[in-house]
């Protein structure tokens, strides 16, 4: 919301009284810049106004850039801190029990709706910083809104999902989840497929393909689901670290293997179990 311009009334000069000379006030920044320009003026007297004006402009520009960079760093730090605090609130524990001893500062909420409302209030205060931080705050507002006003939350996610930036991709993923939860399987499939086709969808490809495979199961597309589960599990089984050693599969990869075993046990046997070395050597 645009701020209203303040109209500062000038005090009226009483009639019949002597008017004092007008005093010009300057803040510290104005004073420093003026002083530097005056010093430059004395150094280049007689060398032409163009040179003088050019040097003065450079001095002002240098000071302005310095002030902007300092403000930008401080603003980013403050904004990031505010965003982090709001995220902590959105992830606070929901419980009827009081906070444990020694954790008086830990936030707890009695219901998810109470937590969501508190988080939204904090995220809304973050949007005043603008830029990327504000965009991320709007994403978290939309996600938390789902538990208070699902239709409004979905509408906000739909708007954010139109962007091709990080927030747009995260919003599209959240939107796909809401479509799946609402039984709109075809729409959810399309959203997951769009994300999976991106070079940098932000969300791990295995996560996207796993969600997609589960939806294929619901649609009765067993072969498509098996193919995705197989690819996830096989890739994880063949993964190596920088030293060429097998790495432990992710939770998603393990669940994909379990799903594959249930749907196509013979195909699951084609994937060898990775041989992991003991951390003790």
C-alpha atoms as a PDB file:
ATOM      1  CA  UNK A   1       0.000   0.000   0.000  1.00  0.00           C
ATOM      2  CA  UNK A   2       1.453   3.332  -1.003  1.00  0.00           C
ATOM      3  CA  UNK A   3       2.172   5.653   1.862  1.00  0.00           C
ATOM      4  CA  UNK A   4       0.289   8.928   2.012  1.00  0.00           C
ATOM      5  CA  UNK A   5       2.475  11.931   1.579  1.00  0.00           C
ATOM      6  CA  UNK A   6       2.771  13.960   4.724  1.00  0.00           C
ATOM      7  CA  UNK A   7       1.906  17.649   4.297  1.00  0.00           C
ATOM      8  CA  UNK A   8       4.051  19.688   6.634  1.00  0.00           C
ATOM      9  CA  UNK A   9       2.471  23.025   7.410  1.00  0.00           C
ATOM     10  CA  UNK A  10       4.809  25.986   7.606  1.00  0.00           C
ATOM     11  CA  UNK A  11       4.304  28.097  10.753  1.00  0.00           C
ATOM     12  CA  UNK A  12       2.781  31.495   9.967  1.00  0.00           C
ATOM     13  CA  UNK A  13       4.977  34.532  10.576  1.00  0.00           C
ATOM     14  CA  UNK A  14       3.175  36.948  12.924  1.00  0.00           C
ATOM     15  CA  UNK A  15       2.320  40.220  11.258  1.00  0.00           C
ATOM     16  CA  UNK A  16       4.301  43.220  12.445  1.00  0.00           C
ATOM     17  CA  UNK A  17       7.255  41.199  13.713  1.00  0.00           C
ATOM     18  CA  UNK A  18      10.734  41.183  12.278  1.00  0.00           C
ATOM     19  CA  UNK A  19      11.432  38.108  10.133  1.00  0.00           C
ATOM     20  CA  UNK A  20      14.618  36.226  10.928  1.00  0.00           C
ATOM     21  CA  UNK A  21      16.887  35.063   8.132  1.00  0.00           C
ATOM     22  CA  UNK A  22      15.905  31.668   6.746  1.00  0.00           C
ATOM     23  CA  UNK A  23      18.104  28.858   8.068  1.00  0.00           C
ATOM     24  CA  UNK A  24      18.970  25.991   5.706  1.00  0.00           C
ATOM     25  CA  UNK A  25      19.243  22.625   7.449  1.00  0.00           C
ATOM     26  CA  UNK A  26      21.318  19.726   6.138  1.00  0.00           C
ATOM     27  CA  UNK A  27      21.694  16.162   7.385  1.00  0.00           C
ATOM     28  CA  UNK A  28      25.143  14.597   7.828  1.00  0.00           C
ATOM     29  CA  UNK A  29      25.117  13.090   4.338  1.00  0.00           C
ATOM     30  CA  UNK A  30      24.303  16.403   2.677  1.00  0.00           C
ATOM     31  CA  UNK A  31      26.952  18.175   4.751  1.00  0.00           C
ATOM     32  CA  UNK A  32      29.693  15.670   3.837  1.00  0.00           C
ATOM     33  CA  UNK A  33      28.889  15.740   0.132  1.00  0.00           C
ATOM     34  CA  UNK A  34      28.745  19.541   0.053  1.00  0.00           C
ATOM     35  CA  UNK A  35      32.079  19.773   1.840  1.00  0.00           C
ATOM     36  CA  UNK A  36      33.734  17.394  -0.640  1.00  0.00           C
ATOM     37  CA  UNK A  37      32.372  19.362  -3.573  1.00  0.00           C
ATOM     38  CA  UNK A  38      33.614  22.628  -2.077  1.00  0.00           C
ATOM     39  CA  UNK A  39      37.074  21.124  -1.519  1.00  0.00           C
ATOM     40  CA  UNK A  40      37.129  19.928  -5.121  1.00  0.00           C
ATOM     41  CA  UNK A  41      36.000  23.366  -6.251  1.00  0.00           C
ATOM     42  CA  UNK A  42      38.929  25.065  -4.561  1.00  0.00           C
ATOM     43  CA  UNK A  43      41.387  22.551  -6.018  1.00  0.00           C
ATOM     44  CA  UNK A  44      40.223  23.110  -9.589  1.00  0.00           C
ATOM     45  CA  UNK A  45      39.512  26.830  -9.593  1.00  0.00           C
ATOM     46  CA  UNK A  46      40.113  28.289 -13.037  1.00  0.00           C
ATOM     47  CA  UNK A  47      40.133  24.878 -14.743  1.00  0.00           C
ATOM     48  CA  UNK A  48      36.676  25.109 -16.181  1.00  0.00           C
ATOM     49  CA  UNK A  49      33.144  24.525 -14.948  1.00  0.00           C
ATOM     50  CA  UNK A  50      32.709  21.313 -16.934  1.00  0.00           C
ATOM     51  CA  UNK A  51      35.579  19.627 -15.142  1.00  0.00           C
ATOM     52  CA  UNK A  52      34.312  20.861 -11.798  1.00  0.00           C
ATOM     53  CA  UNK A  53      30.742  19.674 -12.375  1.00  0.00           C
ATOM     54  CA  UNK A  54      31.980  16.328 -13.635  1.00  0.00           C
ATOM     55  CA  UNK A  55      34.132  15.786 -10.561  1.00  0.00           C
ATOM     56  CA  UNK A  56      31.308  16.866  -8.250  1.00  0.00           C
ATOM     57  CA  UNK A  57      28.957  14.373  -9.888  1.00  0.00           C
ATOM     58  CA  UNK A  58      31.494  11.574  -9.383  1.00  0.00           C
ATOM     59  CA  UNK A  59      31.901  12.446  -5.701  1.00  0.00           C
ATOM     60  CA  UNK A  60      28.138  12.410  -5.152  1.00  0.00           C
ATOM     61  CA  UNK A  61      27.753   9.146  -7.082  1.00  0.00           C
ATOM     62  CA  UNK A  62      30.510   7.451  -5.083  1.00  0.00           C
ATOM     63  CA  UNK A  63      28.945   8.479  -1.773  1.00  0.00           C
ATOM     64  CA  UNK A  64      25.474   7.397  -2.895  1.00  0.00           C
ATOM     65  CA  UNK A  65      26.752   3.998  -4.015  1.00  0.00           C
ATOM     66  CA  UNK A  66      28.508   3.506  -0.691  1.00  0.00           C
ATOM     67  CA  UNK A  67      25.384   4.384   1.272  1.00  0.00           C
ATOM     68  CA  UNK A  68      23.213   2.118  -0.900  1.00  0.00           C
ATOM     69  CA  UNK A  69      25.544  -0.873  -0.507  1.00  0.00           C
ATOM     70  CA  UNK A  70      25.633  -0.449   3.267  1.00  0.00           C
ATOM     71  CA  UNK A  71      21.843  -0.107   3.431  1.00  0.00           C
ATOM     72  CA  UNK A  72      21.343  -3.090   1.128  1.00  0.00           C
ATOM     73  CA  UNK A  73      23.509  -5.362   3.278  1.00  0.00           C
ATOM     74  CA  UNK A  74      21.742  -4.302   6.452  1.00  0.00           C
ATOM     75  CA  UNK A  75      18.335  -4.616   4.819  1.00  0.00           C
ATOM     76  CA  UNK A  76      19.089  -8.119   3.516  1.00  0.00           C
ATOM     77  CA  UNK A  77      20.314  -9.270   6.914  1.00  0.00           C
ATOM     78  CA  UNK A  78      17.245  -7.866   8.650  1.00  0.00           C
ATOM     79  CA  UNK A  79      14.907  -9.299   6.030  1.00  0.00           C
ATOM     80  CA  UNK A  80      16.505 -12.748   6.148  1.00  0.00           C
ATOM     81  CA  UNK A  81      16.358 -12.754   9.943  1.00  0.00           C
ATOM     82  CA  UNK A  82      12.665 -11.822   9.871  1.00  0.00           C
ATOM     83  CA  UNK A  83      11.951 -14.535   7.281  1.00  0.00           C
ATOM     84  CA  UNK A  84      13.808 -17.132   9.362  1.00  0.00           C
ATOM     85  CA  UNK A  85      11.850 -16.160  12.478  1.00  0.00           C
ATOM     86  CA  UNK A  86       8.557 -16.499  10.601  1.00  0.00           C
ATOM     87  CA  UNK A  87       9.570 -19.919   9.252  1.00  0.00           C
ATOM     88  CA  UNK A  88      10.364 -21.055  12.802  1.00  0.00           C
ATOM     89  CA  UNK A  89       6.872 -20.013  13.843  1.00  0.00           C
ATOM     90  CA  UNK A  90       5.318 -21.932  10.934  1.00  0.00           C
ATOM     91  CA  UNK A  91       7.178 -25.060  12.065  1.00  0.00           C
ATOM     92  CA  UNK A  92       6.531 -24.687  15.796  1.00  0.00           C
ATOM     93  CA  UNK A  93       5.164 -27.659  17.703  1.00  0.00           C
ATOM     94  CA  UNK A  94       1.403 -28.107  17.980  1.00  0.00           C
ATOM     95  CA  UNK A  95       0.620 -29.481  21.427  1.00  0.00           C
ATOM     96  CA  UNK A  96      -1.603 -28.975  24.454  1.00  0.00           C
ATOM     97  CA  UNK A  97       1.374 -29.479  26.763  1.00  0.00           C
ATOM     98  CA  UNK A  98       3.314 -26.440  28.017  1.00  0.00           C
ATOM     99  CA  UNK A  99       6.869 -25.862  26.722  1.00  0.00           C
ATOM    100  CA  UNK A 100       9.459 -28.048  28.465  1.00  0.00           C
ATOM    101  CA  UNK A 101      11.561 -26.540  31.227  1.00  0.00           C
ATOM    102  CA  UNK A 102      14.463 -24.462  29.986  1.00  0.00           C
ATOM    103  CA  UNK A 103      12.785 -23.588  26.679  1.00  0.00           C
ATOM    104  CA  UNK A 104      10.723 -20.570  27.644  1.00  0.00           C
ATOM    105  CA  UNK A 105      11.394 -18.965  24.262  1.00  0.00           C
ATOM    106  CA  UNK A 106      10.190 -22.007  22.274  1.00  0.00           C
ATOM    107  CA  UNK A 107       6.836 -21.353  20.644  1.00  0.00           C
ATOM    108  CA  UNK A 108       4.020 -23.883  20.866  1.00  0.00           C
ATOM    109  CA  UNK A 109       0.470 -23.720  19.583  1.00  0.00           C
ATOM    110  CA  UNK A 110      -2.648 -25.620  20.581  1.00  0.00           C
ATOM    111  CA  UNK A 111      -3.921 -26.054  17.004  1.00  0.00           C
ATOM    112  CA  UNK A 112      -2.529 -25.967  13.477  1.00  0.00           C
ATOM    113  CA  UNK A 113      -4.897 -23.129  12.615  1.00  0.00           C
ATOM    114  CA  UNK A 114      -3.587 -21.044  15.495  1.00  0.00           C
ATOM    115  CA  UNK A 115      -0.027 -21.678  14.330  1.00  0.00           C
ATOM    116  CA  UNK A 116      -0.875 -20.873  10.715  1.00  0.00           C
ATOM    117  CA  UNK A 117      -2.476 -17.548  11.649  1.00  0.00           C
ATOM    118  CA  UNK A 118       0.527 -16.535  13.756  1.00  0.00           C
ATOM    119  CA  UNK A 119       2.894 -17.498  10.943  1.00  0.00           C
ATOM    120  CA  UNK A 120       0.909 -15.570   8.335  1.00  0.00           C
ATOM    121  CA  UNK A 121       1.036 -12.446  10.490  1.00  0.00           C
ATOM    122  CA  UNK A 122       4.829 -12.690  10.691  1.00  0.00           C
ATOM    123  CA  UNK A 123       5.264 -13.459   6.990  1.00  0.00           C
ATOM    124  CA  UNK A 124       3.079 -10.470   6.087  1.00  0.00           C
ATOM    125  CA  UNK A 125       5.460  -8.219   8.028  1.00  0.00           C
ATOM    126  CA  UNK A 126       8.354  -9.638   5.963  1.00  0.00           C
ATOM    127  CA  UNK A 127       6.764  -8.564   2.670  1.00  0.00           C
ATOM    128  CA  UNK A 128       7.550  -4.915   3.487  1.00  0.00           C
ATOM    129  CA  UNK A 129      11.220  -5.610   2.667  1.00  0.00           C
ATOM    130  CA  UNK A 130      10.378  -6.314  -0.976  1.00  0.00           C
ATOM    131  CA  UNK A 131      12.514  -8.315  -3.407  1.00  0.00           C
ATOM    132  CA  UNK A 132      13.150 -12.050  -3.223  1.00  0.00           C
ATOM    133  CA  UNK A 133      12.510 -12.221   0.516  1.00  0.00           C
ATOM    134  CA  UNK A 134       9.036 -10.753   0.086  1.00  0.00           C
ATOM    135  CA  UNK A 135       8.306 -13.204  -2.732  1.00  0.00           C
ATOM    136  CA  UNK A 136       9.281 -16.145  -0.523  1.00  0.00           C
ATOM    137  CA  UNK A 137       7.148 -14.752   2.289  1.00  0.00           C
ATOM    138  CA  UNK A 138       4.134 -14.677  -0.047  1.00  0.00           C
ATOM    139  CA  UNK A 139       4.710 -18.355  -0.848  1.00  0.00           C
ATOM    140  CA  UNK A 140       4.724 -19.263   2.848  1.00  0.00           C
ATOM    141  CA  UNK A 141       1.623 -17.139   3.399  1.00  0.00           C
ATOM    142  CA  UNK A 142      -0.220 -19.074   0.686  1.00  0.00           C
ATOM    143  CA  UNK A 143       0.856 -22.461   2.063  1.00  0.00           C
ATOM    144  CA  UNK A 144      -0.188 -21.558   5.612  1.00  0.00           C
ATOM    145  CA  UNK A 145      -3.434 -20.093   4.317  1.00  0.00           C
ATOM    146  CA  UNK A 146      -4.470 -23.554   3.125  1.00  0.00           C
ATOM    147  CA  UNK A 147      -5.364 -24.604   6.673  1.00  0.00           C
ATOM    148  CA  UNK A 148      -7.402 -21.437   7.290  1.00  0.00           C
ATOM    149  CA  UNK A 149      -9.067 -20.728   3.956  1.00  0.00           C
ATOM    150  CA  UNK A 150      -8.175 -23.450   1.476  1.00  0.00           C
ATOM    151  CA  UNK A 151      -9.772 -21.746  -1.516  1.00  0.00           C
ATOM    152  CA  UNK A 152      -7.899 -18.491  -0.831  1.00  0.00           C
ATOM    153  CA  UNK A 153      -4.619 -20.342  -0.310  1.00  0.00           C
ATOM    154  CA  UNK A 154      -5.009 -22.230  -3.589  1.00  0.00           C
ATOM    155  CA  UNK A 155      -5.836 -19.004  -5.407  1.00  0.00           C
ATOM    156  CA  UNK A 156      -2.648 -17.394  -4.081  1.00  0.00           C
ATOM    157  CA  UNK A 157      -0.595 -20.430  -5.108  1.00  0.00           C
ATOM    158  CA  UNK A 158      -2.092 -20.307  -8.609  1.00  0.00           C
ATOM    159  CA  UNK A 159      -0.941 -16.703  -8.964  1.00  0.00           C
ATOM    160  CA  UNK A 160       2.568 -17.421  -7.671  1.00  0.00           C
ATOM    161  CA  UNK A 161       2.884 -20.590  -9.797  1.00  0.00           C
ATOM    162  CA  UNK A 162       2.785 -18.471 -12.963  1.00  0.00           C
ATOM    163  CA  UNK A 163       6.336 -17.301 -12.273  1.00  0.00           C
ATOM    164  CA  UNK A 164       9.355 -19.195 -13.546  1.00  0.00           C
ATOM    165  CA  UNK A 165      11.521 -18.369 -10.551  1.00  0.00           C
ATOM    166  CA  UNK A 166      12.190 -20.407  -7.417  1.00  0.00           C
ATOM    167  CA  UNK A 167       8.959 -19.335  -5.728  1.00  0.00           C
ATOM    168  CA  UNK A 168       6.975 -20.075  -8.893  1.00  0.00           C
ATOM    169  CA  UNK A 169       8.299 -23.647  -9.015  1.00  0.00           C
ATOM    170  CA  UNK A 170       7.730 -24.261  -5.310  1.00  0.00           C
ATOM    171  CA  UNK A 171       4.209 -22.896  -5.662  1.00  0.00           C
ATOM    172  CA  UNK A 172       3.524 -25.186  -8.610  1.00  0.00           C
ATOM    173  CA  UNK A 173       4.672 -28.167  -6.534  1.00  0.00           C
ATOM    174  CA  UNK A 174       2.418 -27.153  -3.627  1.00  0.00           C
ATOM    175  CA  UNK A 175      -0.420 -26.604  -6.090  1.00  0.00           C
ATOM    176  CA  UNK A 176       0.095 -30.118  -7.503  1.00  0.00           C
ATOM    177  CA  UNK A 177      -0.201 -31.511  -3.994  1.00  0.00           C
ATOM    178  CA  UNK A 178      -3.485 -29.689  -3.405  1.00  0.00           C
ATOM    179  CA  UNK A 179      -4.838 -30.974  -6.728  1.00  0.00           C
ATOM    180  CA  UNK A 180      -3.924 -34.537  -5.741  1.00  0.00           C
ATOM    181  CA  UNK A 181      -5.489 -34.139  -2.278  1.00  0.00           C
ATOM    182  CA  UNK A 182      -8.678 -32.769  -3.850  1.00  0.00           C
ATOM    183  CA  UNK A 183      -8.946 -35.757  -6.187  1.00  0.00           C
ATOM    184  CA  UNK A 184      -8.040 -33.739  -9.280  1.00  0.00           C
ATOM    185  CA  UNK A 185      -5.547 -36.378 -10.368  1.00  0.00           C
ATOM    186  CA  UNK A 186      -5.229 -35.370 -14.015  1.00  0.00           C
ATOM    187  CA  UNK A 187      -4.410 -31.765 -13.104  1.00  0.00           C
ATOM    188  CA  UNK A 188      -1.892 -32.912 -10.498  1.00  0.00           C
ATOM    189  CA  UNK A 189      -0.209 -35.217 -13.041  1.00  0.00           C
ATOM    190  CA  UNK A 190       0.159 -32.376 -15.520  1.00  0.00           C
ATOM    191  CA  UNK A 191       1.751 -30.115 -12.902  1.00  0.00           C
ATOM    192  CA  UNK A 192       4.217 -32.783 -11.768  1.00  0.00           C
ATOM    193  CA  UNK A 193       5.126 -33.546 -15.381  1.00  0.00           C
ATOM    194  CA  UNK A 194       5.755 -29.852 -16.072  1.00  0.00           C
ATOM    195  CA  UNK A 195       8.118 -29.659 -13.099  1.00  0.00           C
ATOM    196  CA  UNK A 196       9.887 -32.913 -13.947  1.00  0.00           C
ATOM    197  CA  UNK A 197      10.549 -31.648 -17.485  1.00  0.00           C
ATOM    198  CA  UNK A 198      12.362 -28.542 -16.195  1.00  0.00           C
ATOM    199  CA  UNK A 199      16.159 -28.380 -16.129  1.00  0.00           C
ATOM    200  CA  UNK A 200      16.077 -26.931 -12.606  1.00  0.00           C
ATOM    201  CA  UNK A 201      12.720 -27.619 -10.952  1.00  0.00           C
ATOM    202  CA  UNK A 202      14.146 -26.822  -7.457  1.00  0.00           C
ATOM    203  CA  UNK A 203      12.478 -29.965  -6.102  1.00  0.00           C
ATOM    204  CA  UNK A 204      14.462 -33.215  -6.517  1.00  0.00           C
ATOM    205  CA  UNK A 205      13.537 -35.131  -9.689  1.00  0.00           C
ATOM    206  CA  UNK A 206      13.137 -38.345  -7.666  1.00  0.00           C
ATOM    207  CA  UNK A 207      10.550 -36.647  -5.468  1.00  0.00           C
ATOM    208  CA  UNK A 208       8.597 -35.418  -8.490  1.00  0.00           C
ATOM    209  CA  UNK A 209       8.706 -38.786 -10.253  1.00  0.00           C
ATOM    210  CA  UNK A 210       7.721 -40.635  -7.074  1.00  0.00           C
ATOM    211  CA  UNK A 211       4.655 -38.432  -6.636  1.00  0.00           C
ATOM    212  CA  UNK A 212       3.861 -38.876 -10.311  1.00  0.00           C
ATOM    213  CA  UNK A 213       4.149 -42.671 -10.017  1.00  0.00           C
ATOM    214  CA  UNK A 214       1.693 -42.718  -7.104  1.00  0.00           C
ATOM    215  CA  UNK A 215      -0.816 -40.797  -9.188  1.00  0.00           C
ATOM    216  CA  UNK A 216      -0.342 -43.199 -12.095  1.00  0.00           C
ATOM    217  CA  UNK A 217      -1.275 -45.991  -9.696  1.00  0.00           C
ATOM    218  CA  UNK A 218      -4.505 -44.178  -8.823  1.00  0.00           C
ATOM    219  CA  UNK A 219      -5.257 -43.768 -12.510  1.00  0.00           C
ATOM    220  CA  UNK A 220      -4.721 -47.489 -13.071  1.00  0.00           C
ATOM    221  CA  UNK A 221      -1.599 -46.866 -15.176  1.00  0.00           C
ATOM    222  CA  UNK A 222       0.409 -49.631 -13.535  1.00  0.00           C
ATOM    223  CA  UNK A 223       3.094 -49.934 -16.214  1.00  0.00           C
ATOM    224  CA  UNK A 224       3.882 -46.208 -16.117  1.00  0.00           C
ATOM    225  CA  UNK A 225       4.112 -46.333 -12.322  1.00  0.00           C
ATOM    226  CA  UNK A 226       6.397 -49.383 -12.409  1.00  0.00           C
ATOM    227  CA  UNK A 227       8.722 -47.691 -14.891  1.00  0.00           C
ATOM    228  CA  UNK A 228       9.134 -44.635 -12.679  1.00  0.00           C
ATOM    229  CA  UNK A 229       9.632 -46.652  -9.488  1.00  0.00           C
ATOM    230  CA  UNK A 230      12.179 -48.842 -11.277  1.00  0.00           C
ATOM    231  CA  UNK A 231      14.171 -45.884 -12.611  1.00  0.00           C
ATOM    232  CA  UNK A 232      14.302 -44.214  -9.185  1.00  0.00           C
ATOM    233  CA  UNK A 233      15.425 -47.383  -7.399  1.00  0.00           C
ATOM    234  CA  UNK A 234      17.935 -48.413 -10.081  1.00  0.00           C
ATOM    235  CA  UNK A 235      19.581 -44.992 -10.234  1.00  0.00           C
ATOM    236  CA  UNK A 236      19.955 -44.971  -6.447  1.00  0.00           C
ATOM    237  CA  UNK A 237      21.434 -48.491  -6.426  1.00  0.00           C
ATOM    238  CA  UNK A 238      24.056 -47.511  -8.991  1.00  0.00           C
ATOM    239  CA  UNK A 239      24.959 -44.156  -7.411  1.00  0.00           C
ATOM    240  CA  UNK A 240      28.606 -43.668  -6.379  1.00  0.00           C
ATOM    241  CA  UNK A 241      30.364 -40.998  -4.372  1.00  0.00           C
ATOM    242  CA  UNK A 242      33.510 -39.105  -5.426  1.00  0.00           C
ATOM    243  CA  UNK A 243      35.656 -42.059  -4.349  1.00  0.00           C
ATOM    244  CA  UNK A 244      33.620 -44.528  -6.391  1.00  0.00           C
ATOM    245  CA  UNK A 245      31.929 -46.048  -3.342  1.00  0.00           C
ATOM    246  CA  UNK A 246      28.228 -46.900  -3.165  1.00  0.00           C
ATOM    247  CA  UNK A 247      26.083 -44.330  -1.377  1.00  0.00           C
ATOM    248  CA  UNK A 248      23.154 -44.988   0.905  1.00  0.00           C
ATOM    249  CA  UNK A 249      19.823 -44.625  -0.950  1.00  0.00           C
ATOM    250  CA  UNK A 250      17.508 -41.781  -0.026  1.00  0.00           C
ATOM    251  CA  UNK A 251      14.181 -42.325   1.702  1.00  0.00           C
ATOM    252  CA  UNK A 252      12.421 -41.721  -1.610  1.00  0.00           C
ATOM    253  CA  UNK A 253      14.584 -44.337  -3.337  1.00  0.00           C
ATOM    254  CA  UNK A 254      13.888 -46.907  -0.620  1.00  0.00           C
ATOM    255  CA  UNK A 255      10.148 -46.265  -0.822  1.00  0.00           C
ATOM    256  CA  UNK A 256      10.288 -46.541  -4.619  1.00  0.00           C
ATOM    257  CA  UNK A 257      11.943 -49.942  -4.289  1.00  0.00           C
ATOM    258  CA  UNK A 258       9.265 -51.065  -1.841  1.00  0.00           C
ATOM    259  CA  UNK A 259       6.540 -49.918  -4.233  1.00  0.00           C
ATOM    260  CA  UNK A 260       8.250 -51.679  -7.122  1.00  0.00           C
ATOM    261  CA  UNK A 261       8.559 -54.902  -5.118  1.00  0.00           C
ATOM    262  CA  UNK A 262       4.829 -54.813  -4.367  1.00  0.00           C
ATOM    263  CA  UNK A 263       3.810 -54.096  -7.979  1.00  0.00           C
ATOM    264  CA  UNK A 264       6.421 -56.097  -9.899  1.00  0.00           C
ATOM    265  CA  UNK A 265       8.541 -58.300  -7.617  1.00  0.00           C
ATOM    266  CA  UNK A 266      10.418 -59.946 -10.488  1.00  0.00           C
ATOM    267  CA  UNK A 267      11.443 -56.590 -11.942  1.00  0.00           C
ATOM    268  CA  UNK A 268      12.556 -55.431  -8.508  1.00  0.00           C
ATOM    269  CA  UNK A 269      14.969 -58.366  -8.358  1.00  0.00           C
ATOM    270  CA  UNK A 270      16.776 -56.970 -11.410  1.00  0.00           C
ATOM    271  CA  UNK A 271      18.130 -54.189  -9.226  1.00  0.00           C
ATOM    272  CA  UNK A 272      21.036 -55.350  -7.047  1.00  0.00           C
ATOM    273  CA  UNK A 273      21.248 -54.187  -3.471  1.00  0.00           C
ATOM    274  CA  UNK A 274      24.052 -51.604  -3.108  1.00  0.00           C
ATOM    275  CA  UNK A 275      27.032 -52.863  -1.085  1.00  0.00           C
ATOM    276  CA  UNK A 276      27.720 -50.222   1.531  1.00  0.00           C
ATOM    277  CA  UNK A 277      30.998 -50.152   3.416  1.00  0.00           C
ATOM    278  CA  UNK A 278      30.895 -50.093   7.177  1.00  0.00           C
ATOM    279  CA  UNK A 279      31.757 -46.669   8.655  1.00  0.00           C
ATOM    280  CA  UNK A 280      34.136 -48.523  10.978  1.00  0.00           C
ATOM    281  CA  UNK A 281      36.175 -49.736   7.998  1.00  0.00           C
END
